[in-house]
């Protein structure tokens, strides 16, 4: 696995780091502006981490009702703050606890 700086630096490349689990891959694509690809990846996954990323993506999309559903599935309160701050928080947590 990698750290936040390395993960951010990888955004200059053509694809996410090879050792990233799917939720992190989805966040990488989201940061690239590839919402559809990010959603496609995370939609096929289960578990609270994927649900949290799924919630974030629907929040980015502006679909707050759907986001609330996915936050609930993730066992988290709906986020209301800055999207970039939430992206960073999710990445940091997933990098430190990949499963």
Foldseek 3Di string as FASTA:
>chain_A
DDAPVVQVVCLVDDAGPPPADQLSRLLSCVVVVNLVVSLVSLVPDAALLSLQSNLLSCVVVVNNVSSCVSCVSNVHHRDDDDSVVSSSVSVRVCVVPVD
